[in-house]
Amino acid sequence: MSEENNKTISVKIFNTEVIIPIFQSKELTLKLVEKLEKHMFSVYKEYQVFLTQMIAIRTAYDFLVSLELLSEELRNLKKNILSILEEVNDRINTITAQLDNSEEKRIDRS
């Protein structure tokens, strides 16, 4: 593994030398490479065939499925947060209206 420059690194993934962009740090990039290679080997064990292109495509698909699941989870979290914020806003408006009403009644009594 040699560094090509500050933004890329040359690594060996599944017996193939690849130059990849560094993600956040060299250490994190190498951890991701290790995770990728482990996944590729698990796909290889599943198929019991050493077809690099098929394994790479299946690995890409598996990671895209994971990405889509995480994206869906993020969208749901955003919806929940927006709903909670709307509820908080409604409560604040209710409290503000009650305070305004009590202030008006206090002024009327004076």
PDB file of N, CA and C in Angstrom:
ATOM      1  N   MET A   1       0.832  -1.183   0.000  1.00  0.00           N
ATOM      2  CA  MET A   1       0.000   0.000   0.000  1.00  0.00           C
ATOM      3  C   MET A   1       0.875   1.245   0.000  1.00  0.00           C
ATOM      4  N   SER A   2       0.795   1.978  -1.050  1.00  0.00           N
ATOM      5  CA  SER A   2       1.582   3.200  -1.118  1.00  0.00           C
ATOM      6  C   SER A   2       0.662   4.373  -1.384  1.00  0.00           C
ATOM      7  N   GLU A   3       1.040   5.520  -0.836  1.00  0.00           N
ATOM      8  CA  GLU A   3       0.238   6.728  -1.065  1.00  0.00           C
ATOM      9  C   GLU A   3       0.623   7.328  -2.404  1.00  0.00           C
ATOM     10  N   GLU A   4      -0.376   7.601  -3.226  1.00  0.00           N
ATOM     11  CA  GLU A   4      -0.126   8.223  -4.523  1.00  0.00           C
ATOM     12  C   GLU A   4       0.035   9.728  -4.360  1.00  0.00           C
ATOM     13  N   ASN A   5      -0.784  10.345  -3.541  1.00  0.00           N
ATOM     14  CA  ASN A   5      -0.681  11.746  -3.160  1.00  0.00           C
ATOM     15  C   ASN A   5      -1.521  11.915  -1.908  1.00  0.00           C
ATOM     16  N   ASN A   6      -1.810  13.132  -1.502  1.00  0.00           N
ATOM     17  CA  ASN A   6      -2.565  13.359  -0.274  1.00  0.00           C
ATOM     18  C   ASN A   6      -4.025  12.934  -0.374  1.00  0.00           C
ATOM     19  N   LYS A   7      -4.533  12.778  -1.599  1.00  0.00           N
ATOM     20  CA  LYS A   7      -5.957  12.513  -1.757  1.00  0.00           C
ATOM     21  C   LYS A   7      -6.286  11.091  -2.162  1.00  0.00           C
ATOM     22  N   THR A   8      -5.315  10.316  -2.589  1.00  0.00           N
ATOM     23  CA  THR A   8      -5.555   8.934  -2.998  1.00  0.00           C
ATOM     24  C   THR A   8      -4.559   8.001  -2.341  1.00  0.00           C
ATOM     25  N   ILE A   9      -4.910   6.719  -2.376  1.00  0.00           N
ATOM     26  CA  ILE A   9      -4.025   5.703  -1.829  1.00  0.00           C
ATOM     27  C   ILE A   9      -4.147   4.458  -2.707  1.00  0.00           C
ATOM     28  N   SER A  10      -3.058   3.770  -2.871  1.00  0.00           N
ATOM     29  CA  SER A  10      -3.052   2.533  -3.638  1.00  0.00           C
ATOM     30  C   SER A  10      -3.192   1.373  -2.650  1.00  0.00           C
ATOM     31  N   VAL A  11      -4.204   0.547  -2.862  1.00  0.00           N
ATOM     32  CA  VAL A  11      -4.466  -0.579  -1.961  1.00  0.00           C
ATOM     33  C   VAL A  11      -4.725  -1.831  -2.785  1.00  0.00           C
ATOM     34  N   LYS A  12      -4.617  -2.969  -2.130  1.00  0.00           N
ATOM     35  CA  LYS A  12      -4.932  -4.234  -2.775  1.00  0.00           C
ATOM     36  C   LYS A  12      -6.252  -4.729  -2.197  1.00  0.00           C
ATOM     37  N   ILE A  13      -7.239  -4.865  -3.074  1.00  0.00           N
ATOM     38  CA  ILE A  13      -8.558  -5.344  -2.673  1.00  0.00           C
ATOM     39  C   ILE A  13      -8.863  -6.590  -3.489  1.00  0.00           C
ATOM     40  N   PHE A  14      -9.044  -7.690  -2.796  1.00  0.00           N
ATOM     41  CA  PHE A  14      -9.398  -8.947  -3.453  1.00  0.00           C
ATOM     42  C   PHE A  14      -8.391  -9.278  -4.555  1.00  0.00           C
ATOM     43  N   ASN A  15      -7.119  -9.168  -4.195  1.00  0.00           N
ATOM     44  CA  ASN A  15      -5.990  -9.450  -5.086  1.00  0.00           C
ATOM     45  C   ASN A  15      -5.891  -8.522  -6.295  1.00  0.00           C
ATOM     46  N   THR A  16      -6.473  -7.335  -6.198  1.00  0.00           N
ATOM     47  CA  THR A  16      -6.400  -6.366  -7.293  1.00  0.00           C
ATOM     48  C   THR A  16      -5.895  -5.040  -6.737  1.00  0.00           C
ATOM     49  N   GLU A  17      -4.851  -4.519  -7.350  1.00  0.00           N
ATOM     50  CA  GLU A  17      -4.311  -3.211  -6.948  1.00  0.00           C
ATOM     51  C   GLU A  17      -5.246  -2.118  -7.455  1.00  0.00           C
ATOM     52  N   VAL A  18      -5.674  -1.243  -6.543  1.00  0.00           N
ATOM     53  CA  VAL A  18      -6.628  -0.197  -6.886  1.00  0.00           C
ATOM     54  C   VAL A  18      -6.176   1.115  -6.244  1.00  0.00           C
ATOM     55  N   ILE A  19      -6.273   2.207  -6.994  1.00  0.00           N
ATOM     56  CA  ILE A  19      -6.015   3.533  -6.426  1.00  0.00           C
ATOM     57  C   ILE A  19      -7.380   4.122  -6.088  1.00  0.00           C
ATOM     58  N   ILE A  20      -7.554   4.447  -4.803  1.00  0.00           N
ATOM     59  CA  ILE A  20      -8.853   4.946  -4.347  1.00  0.00           C
ATOM     60  C   ILE A  20      -8.675   6.278  -3.626  1.00  0.00           C
ATOM     61  N   PRO A  21      -9.726   7.095  -3.614  1.00  0.00           N
ATOM     62  CA  PRO A  21      -9.659   8.355  -2.862  1.00  0.00           C
ATOM     63  C   PRO A  21      -9.655   8.062  -1.357  1.00  0.00           C
ATOM     64  N   ILE A  22      -8.920   8.863  -0.623  1.00  0.00           N
ATOM     65  CA  ILE A  22      -8.911   8.743   0.836  1.00  0.00           C
ATOM     66  C   ILE A  22     -10.194   9.361   1.373  1.00  0.00           C
ATOM     67  N   PHE A  23     -10.874   8.621   2.245  1.00  0.00           N
ATOM     68  CA  PHE A  23     -12.102   9.105   2.866  1.00  0.00           C
ATOM     69  C   PHE A  23     -11.793   9.533   4.290  1.00  0.00           C
ATOM     70  N   GLN A  24     -11.830  10.806   4.548  1.00  0.00           N
ATOM     71  CA  GLN A  24     -11.585  11.443   5.847  1.00  0.00           C
ATOM     72  C   GLN A  24     -10.158  11.260   6.348  1.00  0.00           C
ATOM     73  N   SER A  25      -9.665  10.035   6.439  1.00  0.00           N
ATOM     74  CA  SER A  25      -8.279   9.802   6.867  1.00  0.00           C
ATOM     75  C   SER A  25      -7.784   8.499   6.254  1.00  0.00           C
ATOM     76  N   LYS A  26      -6.476   8.343   6.237  1.00  0.00           N
ATOM     77  CA  LYS A  26      -5.892   7.112   5.708  1.00  0.00           C
ATOM     78  C   LYS A  26      -6.344   5.915   6.539  1.00  0.00           C
ATOM     79  N   GLU A  27      -6.384   6.083   7.855  1.00  0.00           N
ATOM     80  CA  GLU A  27      -6.761   4.986   8.753  1.00  0.00           C
ATOM     81  C   GLU A  27      -8.193   4.530   8.480  1.00  0.00           C
ATOM     82  N   LEU A  28      -9.104   5.486   8.353  1.00  0.00           N
ATOM     83  CA  LEU A  28     -10.500   5.136   8.093  1.00  0.00           C
ATOM     84  C   LEU A  28     -10.638   4.488   6.721  1.00  0.00           C
ATOM     85  N   THR A  29      -9.923   4.999   5.745  1.00  0.00           N
ATOM     86  CA  THR A  29      -9.964   4.427   4.400  1.00  0.00           C
ATOM     87  C   THR A  29      -9.514   2.973   4.432  1.00  0.00           C
ATOM     88  N   LEU A  30      -8.443   2.687   5.160  1.00  0.00           N
ATOM     89  CA  LEU A  30      -7.946   1.311   5.243  1.00  0.00           C
ATOM     90  C   LEU A  30      -8.931   0.401   5.976  1.00  0.00           C
ATOM     91  N   LYS A  31      -9.633   0.939   6.964  1.00  0.00           N
ATOM     92  CA  LYS A  31     -10.665   0.149   7.651  1.00  0.00           C
ATOM     93  C   LYS A  31     -11.807  -0.180   6.691  1.00  0.00           C
ATOM     94  N   LEU A  32     -12.182   0.799   5.856  1.00  0.00           N
ATOM     95  CA  LEU A  32     -13.243   0.555   4.875  1.00  0.00           C
ATOM     96  C   LEU A  32     -12.804  -0.475   3.839  1.00  0.00           C
ATOM     97  N   VAL A  33     -11.551  -0.413   3.425  1.00  0.00           N
ATOM     98  CA  VAL A  33     -11.008  -1.386   2.474  1.00  0.00           C
ATOM     99  C   VAL A  33     -11.071  -2.781   3.097  1.00  0.00           C
ATOM    100  N   GLU A  34     -10.706  -2.879   4.351  1.00  0.00           N
ATOM    101  CA  GLU A  34     -10.740  -4.170   5.053  1.00  0.00           C
ATOM    102  C   GLU A  34     -12.183  -4.703   5.125  1.00  0.00           C
ATOM    103  N   LYS A  35     -13.109  -3.828   5.425  1.00  0.00           N
ATOM    104  CA  LYS A  35     -14.521  -4.217   5.495  1.00  0.00           C
ATOM    105  C   LYS A  35     -15.012  -4.688   4.132  1.00  0.00           C
ATOM    106  N   LEU A  36     -14.628  -3.964   3.084  1.00  0.00           N
ATOM    107  CA  LEU A  36     -15.006  -4.332   1.721  1.00  0.00           C
ATOM    108  C   LEU A  36     -14.456  -5.698   1.358  1.00  0.00           C
ATOM    109  N   GLU A  37     -13.187  -5.900   1.647  1.00  0.00           N
ATOM    110  CA  GLU A  37     -12.560  -7.173   1.296  1.00  0.00           C
ATOM    111  C   GLU A  37     -13.195  -8.337   2.065  1.00  0.00           C
ATOM    112  N   LYS A  38     -13.509  -8.125   3.339  1.00  0.00           N
ATOM    113  CA  LYS A  38     -14.185  -9.169   4.120  1.00  0.00           C
ATOM    114  C   LYS A  38     -15.534  -9.510   3.493  1.00  0.00           C
ATOM    115  N   HIS A  39     -16.256  -8.484   3.066  1.00  0.00           N
ATOM    116  CA  HIS A  39     -17.556  -8.727   2.438  1.00  0.00           C
ATOM    117  C   HIS A  39     -17.384  -9.502   1.136  1.00  0.00           C
ATOM    118  N   MET A  40     -16.400  -9.119   0.342  1.00  0.00           N
ATOM    119  CA  MET A  40     -16.159  -9.813  -0.925  1.00  0.00           C
ATOM    120  C   MET A  40     -15.813 -11.276  -0.681  1.00  0.00           C
ATOM    121  N   PHE A  41     -15.021 -11.559   0.357  1.00  0.00           N
ATOM    122  CA  PHE A  41     -14.683 -12.946   0.670  1.00  0.00           C
ATOM    123  C   PHE A  41     -15.910 -13.717   1.153  1.00  0.00           C
ATOM    124  N   SER A  42     -16.822 -13.055   1.867  1.00  0.00           N
ATOM    125  CA  SER A  42     -18.033 -13.752   2.300  1.00  0.00           C
ATOM    126  C   SER A  42     -18.923 -14.069   1.094  1.00  0.00           C
ATOM    127  N   VAL A  43     -18.962 -13.164   0.103  1.00  0.00           N
ATOM    128  CA  VAL A  43     -19.710 -13.444  -1.126  1.00  0.00           C
ATOM    129  C   VAL A  43     -19.053 -14.598  -1.874  1.00  0.00           C
ATOM    130  N   TYR A  44     -17.730 -14.603  -1.931  1.00  0.00           N
ATOM    131  CA  TYR A  44     -16.993 -15.697  -2.583  1.00  0.00           C
ATOM    132  C   TYR A  44     -17.336 -17.030  -1.916  1.00  0.00           C
ATOM    133  N   LYS A  45     -17.360 -17.049  -0.581  1.00  0.00           N
ATOM    134  CA  LYS A  45     -17.694 -18.294   0.132  1.00  0.00           C
ATOM    135  C   LYS A  45     -19.115 -18.744  -0.188  1.00  0.00           C
ATOM    136  N   GLU A  46     -20.028 -17.787  -0.354  1.00  0.00           N
ATOM    137  CA  GLU A  46     -21.412 -18.111  -0.677  1.00  0.00           C
ATOM    138  C   GLU A  46     -21.527 -18.781  -2.044  1.00  0.00           C
ATOM    139  N   TYR A  47     -20.839 -18.234  -3.040  1.00  0.00           N
ATOM    140  CA  TYR A  47     -20.935 -18.759  -4.403  1.00  0.00           C
ATOM    141  C   TYR A  47     -19.960 -19.898  -4.671  1.00  0.00           C
ATOM    142  N   GLN A  48     -18.886 -19.981  -3.914  1.00  0.00           N
ATOM    143  CA  GLN A  48     -17.844 -20.994  -4.111  1.00  0.00           C
ATOM    144  C   GLN A  48     -17.252 -20.952  -5.524  1.00  0.00           C
ATOM    145  N   VAL A  49     -17.240 -19.766  -6.106  1.00  0.00           N
ATOM    146  CA  VAL A  49     -16.670 -19.570  -7.438  1.00  0.00           C
ATOM    147  C   VAL A  49     -15.852 -18.287  -7.392  1.00  0.00           C
ATOM    148  N   PHE A  50     -14.666 -18.325  -7.987  1.00  0.00           N
ATOM    149  CA  PHE A  50     -13.812 -17.146  -7.973  1.00  0.00           C
ATOM    150  C   PHE A  50     -14.009 -16.363  -9.269  1.00  0.00           C
ATOM    151  N   LEU A  51     -15.142 -15.674  -9.352  1.00  0.00           N
ATOM    152  CA  LEU A  51     -15.437 -14.803 -10.484  1.00  0.00           C
ATOM    153  C   LEU A  51     -15.424 -13.372  -9.952  1.00  0.00           C
ATOM    154  N   THR A  52     -14.290 -12.723 -10.109  1.00  0.00           N
ATOM    155  CA  THR A  52     -14.080 -11.413  -9.503  1.00  0.00           C
ATOM    156  C   THR A  52     -15.150 -10.402  -9.894  1.00  0.00           C
ATOM    157  N   GLN A  53     -15.507 -10.353 -11.160  1.00  0.00           N
ATOM    158  CA  GLN A  53     -16.490  -9.366 -11.609  1.00  0.00           C
ATOM    159  C   GLN A  53     -17.850  -9.621 -10.958  1.00  0.00           C
ATOM    160  N   MET A  54     -18.273 -10.880 -10.884  1.00  0.00           N
ATOM    161  CA  MET A  54     -19.551 -11.203 -10.268  1.00  0.00           C
ATOM    162  C   MET A  54     -19.522 -10.843  -8.775  1.00  0.00           C
ATOM    163  N   ILE A  55     -18.437 -11.158  -8.127  1.00  0.00           N
ATOM    164  CA  ILE A  55     -18.306 -10.852  -6.696  1.00  0.00           C
ATOM    165  C   ILE A  55     -18.318  -9.348  -6.475  1.00  0.00           C
ATOM    166  N   ALA A  56     -17.630  -8.605  -7.342  1.00  0.00           N
ATOM    167  CA  ALA A  56     -17.602  -7.144  -7.216  1.00  0.00           C
ATOM    168  C   ALA A  56     -18.996  -6.555  -7.432  1.00  0.00           C
ATOM    169  N   ILE A  57     -19.718  -7.064  -8.426  1.00  0.00           N
ATOM    170  CA  ILE A  57     -21.068  -6.557  -8.698  1.00  0.00           C
ATOM    171  C   ILE A  57     -21.991  -6.874  -7.535  1.00  0.00           C
ATOM    172  N   ARG A  58     -21.919  -8.087  -7.017  1.00  0.00           N
ATOM    173  CA  ARG A  58     -22.766  -8.478  -5.878  1.00  0.00           C
ATOM    174  C   ARG A  58     -22.426  -7.632  -4.649  1.00  0.00           C
ATOM    175  N   THR A  59     -21.146  -7.384  -4.435  1.00  0.00           N
ATOM    176  CA  THR A  59     -20.722  -6.558  -3.300  1.00  0.00           C
ATOM    177  C   THR A  59     -21.251  -5.139  -3.454  1.00  0.00           C
ATOM    178  N   ALA A  60     -21.132  -4.588  -4.651  1.00  0.00           N
ATOM    179  CA  ALA A  60     -21.657  -3.242  -4.902  1.00  0.00           C
ATOM    180  C   ALA A  60     -23.160  -3.211  -4.641  1.00  0.00           C
ATOM    181  N   TYR A  61     -23.875  -4.228  -5.102  1.00  0.00           N
ATOM    182  CA  TYR A  61     -25.319  -4.302  -4.888  1.00  0.00           C
ATOM    183  C   TYR A  61     -25.649  -4.353  -3.393  1.00  0.00           C
ATOM    184  N   ASP A  62     -24.941  -5.205  -2.657  1.00  0.00           N
ATOM    185  CA  ASP A  62     -25.183  -5.326  -1.214  1.00  0.00           C
ATOM    186  C   ASP A  62     -24.970  -3.992  -0.503  1.00  0.00           C
ATOM    187  N   PHE A  63     -23.920  -3.283  -0.876  1.00  0.00           N
ATOM    188  CA  PHE A  63     -23.659  -1.997  -0.240  1.00  0.00           C
ATOM    189  C   PHE A  63     -24.687  -0.947  -0.658  1.00  0.00           C
ATOM    190  N   LEU A  64     -25.163  -1.012  -1.887  1.00  0.00           N
ATOM    191  CA  LEU A  64     -26.219  -0.086  -2.323  1.00  0.00           C
ATOM    192  C   LEU A  64     -27.523  -0.349  -1.569  1.00  0.00           C
ATOM    193  N   VAL A  65     -27.826  -1.614  -1.332  1.00  0.00           N
ATOM    194  CA  VAL A  65     -29.014  -1.959  -0.547  1.00  0.00           C
ATOM    195  C   VAL A  65     -28.868  -1.387   0.860  1.00  0.00           C
ATOM    196  N   SER A  66     -27.694  -1.553   1.461  1.00  0.00           N
ATOM    197  CA  SER A  66     -27.446  -0.996   2.800  1.00  0.00           C
ATOM    198  C   SER A  66     -27.590   0.516   2.795  1.00  0.00           C
ATOM    199  N   LEU A  67     -27.059   1.159   1.774  1.00  0.00           N
ATOM    200  CA  LEU A  67     -27.167   2.612   1.649  1.00  0.00           C
ATOM    201  C   LEU A  67     -28.626   3.038   1.532  1.00  0.00           C
ATOM    202  N   GLU A  68     -29.405   2.315   0.735  1.00  0.00           N
ATOM    203  CA  GLU A  68     -30.818   2.657   0.561  1.00  0.00           C
ATOM    204  C   GLU A  68     -31.582   2.485   1.870  1.00  0.00           C
ATOM    205  N   LEU A  69     -31.294   1.426   2.616  1.00  0.00           N
ATOM    206  CA  LEU A  69     -31.943   1.213   3.907  1.00  0.00           C
ATOM    207  C   LEU A  69     -31.607   2.342   4.879  1.00  0.00           C
ATOM    208  N   LEU A  70     -30.353   2.750   4.901  1.00  0.00           N
ATOM    209  CA  LEU A  70     -29.950   3.858   5.775  1.00  0.00           C
ATOM    210  C   LEU A  70     -30.589   5.172   5.332  1.00  0.00           C
ATOM    211  N   SER A  71     -30.690   5.379   4.022  1.00  0.00           N
ATOM    212  CA  SER A  71     -31.333   6.595   3.511  1.00  0.00           C
ATOM    213  C   SER A  71     -32.803   6.630   3.908  1.00  0.00           C
ATOM    214  N   GLU A  72     -33.464   5.491   3.817  1.00  0.00           N
ATOM    215  CA  GLU A  72     -34.874   5.411   4.208  1.00  0.00           C
ATOM    216  C   GLU A  72     -35.022   5.691   5.706  1.00  0.00           C
ATOM    217  N   GLU A  73     -34.127   5.132   6.491  1.00  0.00           N
ATOM    218  CA  GLU A  73     -34.157   5.373   7.939  1.00  0.00           C
ATOM    219  C   GLU A  73     -33.938   6.861   8.241  1.00  0.00           C
ATOM    220  N   LEU A  74     -33.035   7.488   7.527  1.00  0.00           N
ATOM    221  CA  LEU A  74     -32.771   8.912   7.706  1.00  0.00           C
ATOM    222  C   LEU A  74     -33.997   9.741   7.333  1.00  0.00           C
ATOM    223  N   ARG A  75     -34.649   9.390   6.214  1.00  0.00           N
ATOM    224  CA  ARG A  75     -35.869  10.108   5.818  1.00  0.00           C
ATOM    225  C   ARG A  75     -36.940   9.987   6.899  1.00  0.00           C
ATOM    226  N   ASN A  76     -37.098   8.791   7.463  1.00  0.00           N
ATOM    227  CA  ASN A  76     -38.088   8.592   8.529  1.00  0.00           C
ATOM    228  C   ASN A  76     -37.732   9.388   9.778  1.00  0.00           C
ATOM    229  N   LEU A  77     -36.456   9.435  10.117  1.00  0.00           N
ATOM    230  CA  LEU A  77     -36.027  10.226  11.278  1.00  0.00           C
ATOM    231  C   LEU A  77     -36.312  11.710  11.051  1.00  0.00           C
ATOM    232  N   LYS A  78     -36.049  12.184   9.844  1.00  0.00           N
ATOM    233  CA  LYS A  78     -36.333  13.590   9.520  1.00  0.00           C
ATOM    234  C   LYS A  78     -37.812  13.888   9.666  1.00  0.00           C
ATOM    235  N   LYS A  79     -38.674  12.975   9.172  1.00  0.00           N
ATOM    236  CA  LYS A  79     -40.119  13.160   9.307  1.00  0.00           C
ATOM    237  C   LYS A  79     -40.515  13.240  10.775  1.00  0.00           C
ATOM    238  N   ASN A  80     -39.966  12.338  11.582  1.00  0.00           N
ATOM    239  CA  ASN A  80     -40.285  12.333  13.015  1.00  0.00           C
ATOM    240  C   ASN A  80     -39.828  13.614  13.694  1.00  0.00           C
ATOM    241  N   ILE A  81     -38.637  14.066  13.360  1.00  0.00           N
ATOM    242  CA  ILE A  81     -38.109  15.296  13.958  1.00  0.00           C
ATOM    243  C   ILE A  81     -38.975  16.488  13.553  1.00  0.00           C
ATOM    244  N   LEU A  82     -39.353  16.562  12.277  1.00  0.00           N
ATOM    245  CA  LEU A  82     -40.211  17.659  11.826  1.00  0.00           C
ATOM    246  C   LEU A  82     -41.562  17.628  12.536  1.00  0.00           C
ATOM    247  N   SER A  83     -42.107  16.447  12.722  1.00  0.00           N
ATOM    248  CA  SER A  83     -43.379  16.312  13.423  1.00  0.00           C
ATOM    249  C   SER A  83     -43.262  16.788  14.870  1.00  0.00           C
ATOM    250  N   ILE A  84     -42.186  16.404  15.520  1.00  0.00           N
ATOM    251  CA  ILE A  84     -41.946  16.824  16.912  1.00  0.00           C
ATOM    252  C   ILE A  84     -41.773  18.338  16.978  1.00  0.00           C
ATOM    253  N   LEU A  85     -41.011  18.900  16.042  1.00  0.00           N
ATOM    254  CA  LEU A  85     -40.805  20.354  16.028  1.00  0.00           C
ATOM    255  C   LEU A  85     -42.112  21.103  15.782  1.00  0.00           C
ATOM    256  N   GLU A  86     -42.970  20.570  14.922  1.00  0.00           N
ATOM    257  CA  GLU A  86     -44.273  21.192  14.696  1.00  0.00           C
ATOM    258  C   GLU A  86     -45.114  21.157  15.968  1.00  0.00           C
ATOM    259  N   GLU A  87     -45.056  20.024  16.674  1.00  0.00           N
ATOM    260  CA  GLU A  87     -45.794  19.912  17.933  1.00  0.00           C
ATOM    261  C   GLU A  87     -45.266  20.903  18.967  1.00  0.00           C
ATOM    262  N   VAL A  88     -43.966  21.034  19.068  1.00  0.00           N
ATOM    263  CA  VAL A  88     -43.359  22.000  19.993  1.00  0.00           C
ATOM    264  C   VAL A  88     -43.786  23.414  19.612  1.00  0.00           C
ATOM    265  N   ASN A  89     -43.747  23.719  18.317  1.00  0.00           N
ATOM    266  CA  ASN A  89     -44.158  25.032  17.843  1.00  0.00           C
ATOM    267  C   ASN A  89     -45.624  25.312  18.190  1.00  0.00           C
ATOM    268  N   ASP A  90     -46.486  24.323  17.986  1.00  0.00           N
ATOM    269  CA  ASP A  90     -47.900  24.473  18.335  1.00  0.00           C
ATOM    270  C   ASP A  90     -48.074  24.742  19.826  1.00  0.00           C
ATOM    271  N   ARG A  91     -47.330  24.024  20.644  1.00  0.00           N
ATOM    272  CA  ARG A  91     -47.416  24.232  22.091  1.00  0.00           C
ATOM    273  C   ARG A  91     -46.942  25.627  22.488  1.00  0.00           C
ATOM    274  N   ILE A  92     -45.869  26.064  21.866  1.00  0.00           N
ATOM    275  CA  ILE A  92     -45.363  27.417  22.147  1.00  0.00           C
ATOM    276  C   ILE A  92     -46.410  28.452  21.748  1.00  0.00           C
ATOM    277  N   ASN A  93     -47.015  28.275  20.594  1.00  0.00           N
ATOM    278  CA  ASN A  93     -48.062  29.205  20.143  1.00  0.00           C
ATOM    279  C   ASN A  93     -49.245  29.205  21.105  1.00  0.00           C
ATOM    280  N   THR A  94     -49.631  28.033  21.604  1.00  0.00           N
ATOM    281  CA  THR A  94     -50.734  27.933  22.567  1.00  0.00           C
ATOM    282  C   THR A  94     -50.386  28.658  23.855  1.00  0.00           C
ATOM    283  N   ILE A  95     -49.189  28.434  24.356  1.00  0.00           N
ATOM    284  CA  ILE A  95     -48.744  29.086  25.593  1.00  0.00           C
ATOM    285  C   ILE A  95     -48.678  30.600  25.389  1.00  0.00           C
ATOM    286  N   THR A  96     -48.157  31.015  24.253  1.00  0.00           N
ATOM    287  CA  THR A  96     -48.074  32.449  23.951  1.00  0.00           C
ATOM    288  C   THR A  96     -49.466  33.067  23.907  1.00  0.00           C
ATOM    289  N   ALA A  97     -50.402  32.384  23.267  1.00  0.00           N
ATOM    290  CA  ALA A  97     -51.778  32.890  23.193  1.00  0.00           C
ATOM    291  C   ALA A  97     -52.397  32.964  24.582  1.00  0.00           C
ATOM    292  N   GLN A  98     -52.159  31.974  25.418  1.00  0.00           N
ATOM    293  CA  GLN A  98     -52.685  31.988  26.781  1.00  0.00           C
ATOM    294  C   GLN A  98     -52.091  33.137  27.587  1.00  0.00           C
ATOM    295  N   LEU A  99     -50.809  33.358  27.423  1.00  0.00           N
ATOM    296  CA  LEU A  99     -50.157  34.471  28.122  1.00  0.00           C
ATOM    297  C   LEU A  99     -50.712  35.806  27.644  1.00  0.00           C
ATOM    298  N   ASP A 100     -50.906  35.935  26.325  1.00  0.00           N
ATOM    299  CA  ASP A 100     -51.481  37.166  25.779  1.00  0.00           C
ATOM    300  C   ASP A 100     -52.882  37.400  26.339  1.00  0.00           C
ATOM    301  N   ASN A 101     -53.695  36.349  26.415  1.00  0.00           N
ATOM    302  CA  ASN A 101     -55.051  36.459  26.947  1.00  0.00           C
ATOM    303  C   ASN A 101     -55.048  36.839  28.425  1.00  0.00           C
ATOM    304  N   SER A 102     -54.156  36.230  29.185  1.00  0.00           N
ATOM    305  CA  SER A 102     -54.105  36.534  30.621  1.00  0.00           C
ATOM    306  C   SER A 102     -53.608  37.974  30.834  1.00  0.00           C
ATOM    307  N   GLU A 103     -52.692  38.427  29.985  1.00  0.00           N
ATOM    308  CA  GLU A 103     -52.195  39.796  30.065  1.00  0.00           C
ATOM    309  C   GLU A 103     -53.320  40.784  29.745  1.00  0.00           C
ATOM    310  N   GLU A 104     -54.115  40.465  28.710  1.00  0.00           N
ATOM    311  CA  GLU A 104     -55.230  41.342  28.348  1.00  0.00           C
ATOM    312  C   GLU A 104     -56.257  41.395  29.477  1.00  0.00           C
ATOM    313  N   LYS A 105     -56.544  40.271  30.102  1.00  0.00           N
ATOM    314  CA  LYS A 105     -57.517  40.250  31.215  1.00  0.00           C
ATOM    315  C   LYS A 105     -56.989  41.054  32.391  1.00  0.00           C
ATOM    316  N   ARG A 106     -55.696  40.949  32.644  1.00  0.00           N
ATOM    317  CA  ARG A 106     -55.102  41.690  33.748  1.00  0.00           C
ATOM    318  C   ARG A 106     -55.172  43.191  33.491  1.00  0.00           C
ATOM    319  N   ILE A 107     -54.956  43.585  32.247  1.00  0.00           N
ATOM    320  CA  ILE A 107     -55.031  45.008  31.874  1.00  0.00           C
ATOM    321  C   ILE A 107     -56.471  45.498  31.986  1.00  0.00           C
ATOM    322  N   ASP A 108     -57.431  44.663  31.524  1.00  0.00           N
ATOM    323  CA  ASP A 108     -58.850  45.045  31.609  1.00  0.00           C
ATOM    324  C   ASP A 108     -59.303  45.236  33.049  1.00  0.00           C
ATOM    325  N   ARG A 109     -58.786  44.470  33.974  1.00  0.00           N
ATOM    326  CA  ARG A 109     -59.160  44.576  35.380  1.00  0.00           C
ATOM    327  C   ARG A 109     -58.583  45.831  36.018  1.00  0.00           C
ATOM    328  N   SER A 110     -57.526  46.332  35.470  1.00  0.00           N
ATOM    329  CA  SER A 110     -56.865  47.493  36.085  1.00  0.00           C
ATOM    330  C   SER A 110     -57.604  48.757  35.920  1.00  0.00           C
TER     331      SER A 110
END
